[in-house]
Amino acid sequence: MIMELRDISKEQAKQEVHDLLIANSRPIDHGVIADKLRLSLELVANACNDLIEENLIEFTWELHREILC
């Protein structure tokens, strides 16, 4: 099955990624975020990097790359 990726701005992606992470109680991998939001992995990674720089989320290395709220 081919999933069509949504074309949204980086700012919108940041908001959606942040909202998804806040709604989850567990760490989420970049790939899972991309799948759930139907966004490119590159856009998710860029949004996450910005959110990390803004101290809105934390990055941790555990078993897999994961993002923590």
C-alpha atoms as a PDB file:
ATOM      1  CA  MET A   1       0.000   0.000   0.000  1.00  0.00           C
ATOM      2  CA  ILE A   2       1.332   3.412  -0.984  1.00  0.00           C
ATOM      3  CA  MET A   3       0.662   6.235   1.449  1.00  0.00           C
ATOM      4  CA  GLU A   4       0.288   9.712   0.017  1.00  0.00           C
ATOM      5  CA  LEU A   5       2.315  12.207   2.043  1.00  0.00           C
ATOM      6  CA  ARG A   6       0.742  15.497   3.002  1.00  0.00           C
ATOM      7  CA  ASP A   7       2.454  18.689   1.862  1.00  0.00           C
ATOM      8  CA  ILE A   8       2.337  21.114   4.790  1.00  0.00           C
ATOM      9  CA  SER A   9       4.582  23.896   6.039  1.00  0.00           C
ATOM     10  CA  LYS A  10       7.383  23.269   8.504  1.00  0.00           C
ATOM     11  CA  GLU A  11       5.540  25.374  11.094  1.00  0.00           C
ATOM     12  CA  GLN A  12       2.377  23.284  10.705  1.00  0.00           C
ATOM     13  CA  ALA A  13       4.478  20.115  10.932  1.00  0.00           C
ATOM     14  CA  LYS A  14       6.106  21.384  14.139  1.00  0.00           C
ATOM     15  CA  GLN A  15       2.682  21.990  15.684  1.00  0.00           C
ATOM     16  CA  GLU A  16       1.332  18.583  14.635  1.00  0.00           C
ATOM     17  CA  VAL A  17       4.460  16.748  15.813  1.00  0.00           C
ATOM     18  CA  HIS A  18       4.371  18.593  19.133  1.00  0.00           C
ATOM     19  CA  ASP A  19       0.654  17.844  19.601  1.00  0.00           C
ATOM     20  CA  LEU A  20       1.196  14.156  18.816  1.00  0.00           C
ATOM     21  CA  LEU A  21       4.062  13.880  21.277  1.00  0.00           C
ATOM     22  CA  ILE A  22       2.134  15.656  24.025  1.00  0.00           C
ATOM     23  CA  ALA A  23      -0.820  13.291  23.494  1.00  0.00           C
ATOM     24  CA  ASN A  24       1.400  10.199  23.892  1.00  0.00           C
ATOM     25  CA  SER A  25       2.800   8.995  27.174  1.00  0.00           C
ATOM     26  CA  ARG A  26       5.543   6.951  25.505  1.00  0.00           C
ATOM     27  CA  PRO A  27       8.512   7.899  23.312  1.00  0.00           C
ATOM     28  CA  ILE A  28       7.838   7.828  19.583  1.00  0.00           C
ATOM     29  CA  ASP A  29      10.321   7.076  16.795  1.00  0.00           C
ATOM     30  CA  HIS A  30      10.670   9.573  13.921  1.00  0.00           C
ATOM     31  CA  GLY A  31       9.387   6.966  11.457  1.00  0.00           C
ATOM     32  CA  VAL A  32       6.260   6.328  13.509  1.00  0.00           C
ATOM     33  CA  ILE A  33       5.586  10.058  13.711  1.00  0.00           C
ATOM     34  CA  ALA A  34       5.988  10.363   9.942  1.00  0.00           C
ATOM     35  CA  ASP A  35       3.590   7.457   9.349  1.00  0.00           C
ATOM     36  CA  LYS A  36       0.950   8.681  11.799  1.00  0.00           C
ATOM     37  CA  LEU A  37       0.977  12.219  10.408  1.00  0.00           C
ATOM     38  CA  ARG A  38       1.552  11.154   6.772  1.00  0.00           C
ATOM     39  CA  LEU A  39       4.580  13.447   6.503  1.00  0.00           C
ATOM     40  CA  SER A  40       8.009  12.911   4.979  1.00  0.00           C
ATOM     41  CA  LEU A  41      10.684  11.664   7.335  1.00  0.00           C
ATOM     42  CA  GLU A  42      12.795  14.689   6.400  1.00  0.00           C
ATOM     43  CA  LEU A  43      10.031  17.113   7.412  1.00  0.00           C
ATOM     44  CA  VAL A  44       9.479  15.271  10.703  1.00  0.00           C
ATOM     45  CA  ALA A  45      13.214  15.273  11.455  1.00  0.00           C
ATOM     46  CA  ASN A  46      13.478  18.999  10.718  1.00  0.00           C
ATOM     47  CA  ALA A  47      10.407  19.759  12.847  1.00  0.00           C
ATOM     48  CA  CYS A  48      11.780  17.662  15.717  1.00  0.00           C
ATOM     49  CA  ASN A  49      15.177  19.360  15.501  1.00  0.00           C
ATOM     50  CA  ASP A  50      13.503  22.767  15.768  1.00  0.00           C
ATOM     51  CA  LEU A  51      11.361  21.619  18.712  1.00  0.00           C
ATOM     52  CA  ILE A  52      14.475  20.287  20.455  1.00  0.00           C
ATOM     53  CA  GLU A  53      16.332  23.576  19.881  1.00  0.00           C
ATOM     54  CA  GLU A  54      13.314  25.428  21.304  1.00  0.00           C
ATOM     55  CA  ASN A  55      13.398  23.111  24.373  1.00  0.00           C
ATOM     56  CA  LEU A  56       9.844  21.947  23.698  1.00  0.00           C
ATOM     57  CA  ILE A  57      10.825  18.269  23.425  1.00  0.00           C
ATOM     58  CA  GLU A  58      13.801  16.109  24.428  1.00  0.00           C
ATOM     59  CA  PHE A  59      15.776  13.659  22.332  1.00  0.00           C
ATOM     60  CA  THR A  60      17.036  10.428  23.845  1.00  0.00           C
ATOM     61  CA  TRP A  61      18.970   7.400  22.579  1.00  0.00           C
ATOM     62  CA  GLU A  62      17.341   4.224  23.894  1.00  0.00           C
ATOM     63  CA  LEU A  63      17.156   1.009  21.866  1.00  0.00           C
ATOM     64  CA  HIS A  64      15.893   3.140  18.974  1.00  0.00           C
ATOM     65  CA  ARG A  65      15.955   6.839  18.254  1.00  0.00           C
ATOM     66  CA  GLU A  66      13.036   8.202  20.216  1.00  0.00           C
ATOM     67  CA  ILE A  67      11.554  11.532  21.063  1.00  0.00           C
ATOM     68  CA  LEU A  68      10.310  12.230  24.570  1.00  0.00           C
ATOM     69  CA  CYS A  69       7.901  14.934  25.642  1.00  0.00           C
END
